[in-house]
Amino acid sequence: MTHPEHLRDEHADKLHRLRERDPELDRLTLHVRKFAVMMTGRRGDRLEEWITDVERDSLAPLAGFARNLRRDFDAVRNGLSLPHSSGAVEGNINRLKMLKRQMFGRASLDLLRKRVLLTR
C-alpha cells in the first residue's frame, strides 16, 4: 500500500526479489501501480486503456475487478477525474453505524439519539 519511493530499503529489495521470481506478481504490481497513479493523479481518462490491458492479461481476479469497473464506467471515470468526494459523508455514516452497533440491544432510541448528537 506504500508508494514505491517511500519503501524502506529492505522492503524495496524484498519486493524486487519477489517480483523477479514471480512474473504474475510482477504484472500484478505494474497494473496496481498504474491504477494508483490514476487514482492519485485524477487521471480517469486512462481508465479505458487500463481496463483493456487488465482484461488481456491472464490475472483472473484483477480481470474480474476490471469487468466490474466497466459496469459503471462513467461513475468510476468521474470518480477518478473530478475533485469532488463523498468522503465526509461516508465518514459520518460509518461513525453512525458504529454507534448503532455498540448500542444495539442495550438502550432505547432516546439514548442512542443523545449519544449520536453528543459525539460530534
C-alpha atoms as a PDB file:
ATOM      1  CA  MET A   1       0.000   0.000   0.000  1.00  0.00           C
ATOM      2  CA  THR A   2       3.017   2.278   0.310  1.00  0.00           C
ATOM      3  CA  HIS A   3       4.257   4.294  -2.631  1.00  0.00           C
ATOM      4  CA  PRO A   4       7.342   2.504  -4.020  1.00  0.00           C
ATOM      5  CA  GLU A   5       9.523   5.557  -3.418  1.00  0.00           C
ATOM      6  CA  HIS A   6       8.604   5.537   0.277  1.00  0.00           C
ATOM      7  CA  LEU A   7       9.533   1.926   0.977  1.00  0.00           C
ATOM      8  CA  ARG A   8      12.440   1.247   3.298  1.00  0.00           C
ATOM      9  CA  ASP A   9      15.432  -0.213   1.503  1.00  0.00           C
ATOM     10  CA  GLU A  10      14.989  -3.721   2.911  1.00  0.00           C
ATOM     11  CA  HIS A  11      11.317  -3.789   1.890  1.00  0.00           C
ATOM     12  CA  ALA A  12      12.109  -2.475  -1.587  1.00  0.00           C
ATOM     13  CA  ASP A  13      14.785  -5.169  -2.003  1.00  0.00           C
ATOM     14  CA  LYS A  14      12.406  -7.883  -0.822  1.00  0.00           C
ATOM     15  CA  LEU A  15       9.690  -6.702  -3.226  1.00  0.00           C
ATOM     16  CA  HIS A  16      12.189  -6.600  -6.074  1.00  0.00           C
ATOM     17  CA  ARG A  17      13.293 -10.192  -5.362  1.00  0.00           C
ATOM     18  CA  LEU A  18       9.674 -11.378  -5.171  1.00  0.00           C
ATOM     19  CA  ARG A  19       8.807  -9.707  -8.453  1.00  0.00           C
ATOM     20  CA  GLU A  20      11.840 -11.291 -10.130  1.00  0.00           C
ATOM     21  CA  ARG A  21      10.749 -14.781  -9.002  1.00  0.00           C
ATOM     22  CA  ASP A  22       7.082 -14.498  -9.902  1.00  0.00           C
ATOM     23  CA  PRO A  23       6.125 -12.996 -13.285  1.00  0.00           C
ATOM     24  CA  GLU A  24       2.433 -12.892 -12.328  1.00  0.00           C
ATOM     25  CA  LEU A  25       3.217 -10.860  -9.229  1.00  0.00           C
ATOM     26  CA  ASP A  26       5.354  -8.561 -11.349  1.00  0.00           C
ATOM     27  CA  ARG A  27       2.489  -7.968 -13.820  1.00  0.00           C
ATOM     28  CA  LEU A  28       0.026  -7.511 -10.964  1.00  0.00           C
ATOM     29  CA  THR A  29       2.306  -4.922  -9.379  1.00  0.00           C
ATOM     30  CA  LEU A  30       2.515  -2.975 -12.634  1.00  0.00           C
ATOM     31  CA  HIS A  31      -1.274  -2.957 -13.082  1.00  0.00           C
ATOM     32  CA  VAL A  32      -1.898  -1.891  -9.488  1.00  0.00           C
ATOM     33  CA  ARG A  33       0.667   0.894  -9.719  1.00  0.00           C
ATOM     34  CA  LYS A  34      -0.921   2.215 -12.915  1.00  0.00           C
ATOM     35  CA  PHE A  35      -4.304   2.207 -11.200  1.00  0.00           C
ATOM     36  CA  ALA A  36      -2.831   4.018  -8.184  1.00  0.00           C
ATOM     37  CA  VAL A  37      -1.434   6.716 -10.486  1.00  0.00           C
ATOM     38  CA  MET A  38      -4.902   7.149 -11.988  1.00  0.00           C
ATOM     39  CA  MET A  39      -6.444   7.468  -8.525  1.00  0.00           C
ATOM     40  CA  THR A  40      -3.941   9.871  -7.033  1.00  0.00           C
ATOM     41  CA  GLY A  41      -3.435  11.956 -10.173  1.00  0.00           C
ATOM     42  CA  ARG A  42      -7.105  12.207 -11.172  1.00  0.00           C
ATOM     43  CA  ARG A  43      -6.394  10.523 -14.498  1.00  0.00           C
ATOM     44  CA  GLY A  44      -9.763   8.944 -15.221  1.00  0.00           C
ATOM     45  CA  ASP A  45      -9.102   9.435 -18.932  1.00  0.00           C
ATOM     46  CA  ARG A  46      -6.732   6.443 -18.726  1.00  0.00           C
ATOM     47  CA  LEU A  47      -9.360   4.079 -17.270  1.00  0.00           C
ATOM     48  CA  GLU A  48     -10.499   2.509 -20.561  1.00  0.00           C
ATOM     49  CA  GLU A  49      -6.927   1.704 -21.545  1.00  0.00           C
ATOM     50  CA  TRP A  50      -6.181   0.266 -18.083  1.00  0.00           C
ATOM     51  CA  ILE A  51      -9.275  -1.962 -18.104  1.00  0.00           C
ATOM     52  CA  THR A  52      -8.442  -3.231 -21.604  1.00  0.00           C
ATOM     53  CA  ASP A  53      -4.848  -4.044 -20.573  1.00  0.00           C
ATOM     54  CA  VAL A  54      -6.007  -5.897 -17.466  1.00  0.00           C
ATOM     55  CA  GLU A  55      -8.644  -7.866 -19.373  1.00  0.00           C
ATOM     56  CA  ARG A  56      -5.995  -9.005 -21.886  1.00  0.00           C
ATOM     57  CA  ASP A  57      -3.780 -10.261 -19.066  1.00  0.00           C
ATOM     58  CA  SER A  58      -4.233 -13.707 -17.516  1.00  0.00           C
ATOM     59  CA  LEU A  59      -4.718 -12.437 -13.946  1.00  0.00           C
ATOM     60  CA  ALA A  60      -8.300 -13.612 -13.363  1.00  0.00           C
ATOM     61  CA  PRO A  61      -9.093 -11.797 -10.077  1.00  0.00           C
ATOM     62  CA  LEU A  62      -7.838  -8.478 -11.426  1.00  0.00           C
ATOM     63  CA  ALA A  63      -9.713  -9.013 -14.696  1.00  0.00           C
ATOM     64  CA  GLY A  64     -12.893  -9.589 -12.658  1.00  0.00           C
ATOM     65  CA  PHE A  65     -12.287  -6.314 -10.845  1.00  0.00           C
ATOM     66  CA  ALA A  66     -11.820  -4.539 -14.181  1.00  0.00           C
ATOM     67  CA  ARG A  67     -15.040  -6.032 -15.580  1.00  0.00           C
ATOM     68  CA  ASN A  68     -16.937  -4.744 -12.550  1.00  0.00           C
ATOM     69  CA  LEU A  69     -15.473  -1.282 -13.105  1.00  0.00           C
ATOM     70  CA  ARG A  70     -16.750  -1.395 -16.669  1.00  0.00           C
ATOM     71  CA  ARG A  71     -20.312  -1.987 -15.431  1.00  0.00           C
ATOM     72  CA  ASP A  72     -20.477   1.540 -14.058  1.00  0.00           C
ATOM     73  CA  PHE A  73     -17.764   3.038 -16.220  1.00  0.00           C
ATOM     74  CA  ASP A  74     -18.972   6.655 -16.253  1.00  0.00           C
ATOM     75  CA  ALA A  75     -19.231   6.856 -12.465  1.00  0.00           C
ATOM     76  CA  VAL A  76     -15.793   5.272 -11.963  1.00  0.00           C
ATOM     77  CA  ARG A  77     -14.178   7.529 -14.568  1.00  0.00           C
ATOM     78  CA  ASN A  78     -15.747  10.600 -12.951  1.00  0.00           C
ATOM     79  CA  GLY A  79     -14.633   9.424  -9.519  1.00  0.00           C
ATOM     80  CA  LEU A  80     -11.072   9.145 -10.823  1.00  0.00           C
ATOM     81  CA  SER A  81     -11.238  12.506 -12.618  1.00  0.00           C
ATOM     82  CA  LEU A  82     -13.262  15.001 -10.619  1.00  0.00           C
ATOM     83  CA  PRO A  83     -12.129  16.710  -7.412  1.00  0.00           C
ATOM     84  CA  HIS A  84     -15.452  16.029  -5.653  1.00  0.00           C
ATOM     85  CA  SER A  85     -15.527  13.457  -2.857  1.00  0.00           C
ATOM     86  CA  SER A  86     -18.162  11.869  -0.656  1.00  0.00           C
ATOM     87  CA  GLY A  87     -15.538  11.060   1.969  1.00  0.00           C
ATOM     88  CA  ALA A  88     -17.017  13.299   4.669  1.00  0.00           C
ATOM     89  CA  VAL A  89     -20.482  11.830   4.195  1.00  0.00           C
ATOM     90  CA  GLU A  90     -19.138   8.267   4.201  1.00  0.00           C
ATOM     91  CA  GLY A  91     -17.175   9.014   7.370  1.00  0.00           C
ATOM     92  CA  ASN A  92     -20.302  10.205   9.161  1.00  0.00           C
ATOM     93  CA  ILE A  93     -22.281   7.173   8.018  1.00  0.00           C
ATOM     94  CA  ASN A  94     -19.509   4.881   9.239  1.00  0.00           C
ATOM     95  CA  ARG A  95     -19.460   6.664  12.628  1.00  0.00           C
ATOM     96  CA  LEU A  96     -23.251   6.384  12.997  1.00  0.00           C
ATOM     97  CA  LYS A  97     -23.249   2.690  12.120  1.00  0.00           C
ATOM     98  CA  MET A  98     -20.513   2.049  14.689  1.00  0.00           C
ATOM     99  CA  LEU A  99     -22.531   3.820  17.397  1.00  0.00           C
ATOM    100  CA  LYS A 100     -25.649   1.888  16.451  1.00  0.00           C
ATOM    101  CA  ARG A 101     -23.765  -1.437  16.665  1.00  0.00           C
ATOM    102  CA  GLN A 102     -22.333  -0.502  20.069  1.00  0.00           C
ATOM    103  CA  MET A 103     -25.767   0.394  21.432  1.00  0.00           C
ATOM    104  CA  PHE A 104     -27.729  -2.482  19.855  1.00  0.00           C
ATOM    105  CA  GLY A 105     -29.886  -4.238  22.421  1.00  0.00           C
ATOM    106  CA  ARG A 106     -28.554  -2.142  25.288  1.00  0.00           C
ATOM    107  CA  ALA A 107     -30.542   1.056  25.303  1.00  0.00           C
ATOM    108  CA  SER A 108     -33.522   2.876  23.917  1.00  0.00           C
ATOM    109  CA  LEU A 109     -33.706   5.016  20.815  1.00  0.00           C
ATOM    110  CA  ASP A 110     -33.655   8.153  23.001  1.00  0.00           C
ATOM    111  CA  LEU A 111     -30.261   7.231  24.469  1.00  0.00           C
ATOM    112  CA  LEU A 112     -28.893   6.379  21.021  1.00  0.00           C
ATOM    113  CA  ARG A 113     -30.088   9.766  19.741  1.00  0.00           C
ATOM    114  CA  LYS A 114     -28.358  11.577  22.611  1.00  0.00           C
ATOM    115  CA  ARG A 115     -25.129   9.682  22.058  1.00  0.00           C
ATOM    116  CA  VAL A 116     -25.167  10.449  18.325  1.00  0.00           C
ATOM    117  CA  LEU A 117     -25.694  14.143  18.982  1.00  0.00           C
ATOM    118  CA  LEU A 118     -23.014  14.313  21.688  1.00  0.00           C
ATOM    119  CA  THR A 119     -20.271  12.533  19.720  1.00  0.00           C
ATOM    120  CA  ARG A 120     -19.872  15.196  17.075  1.00  0.00           C
END
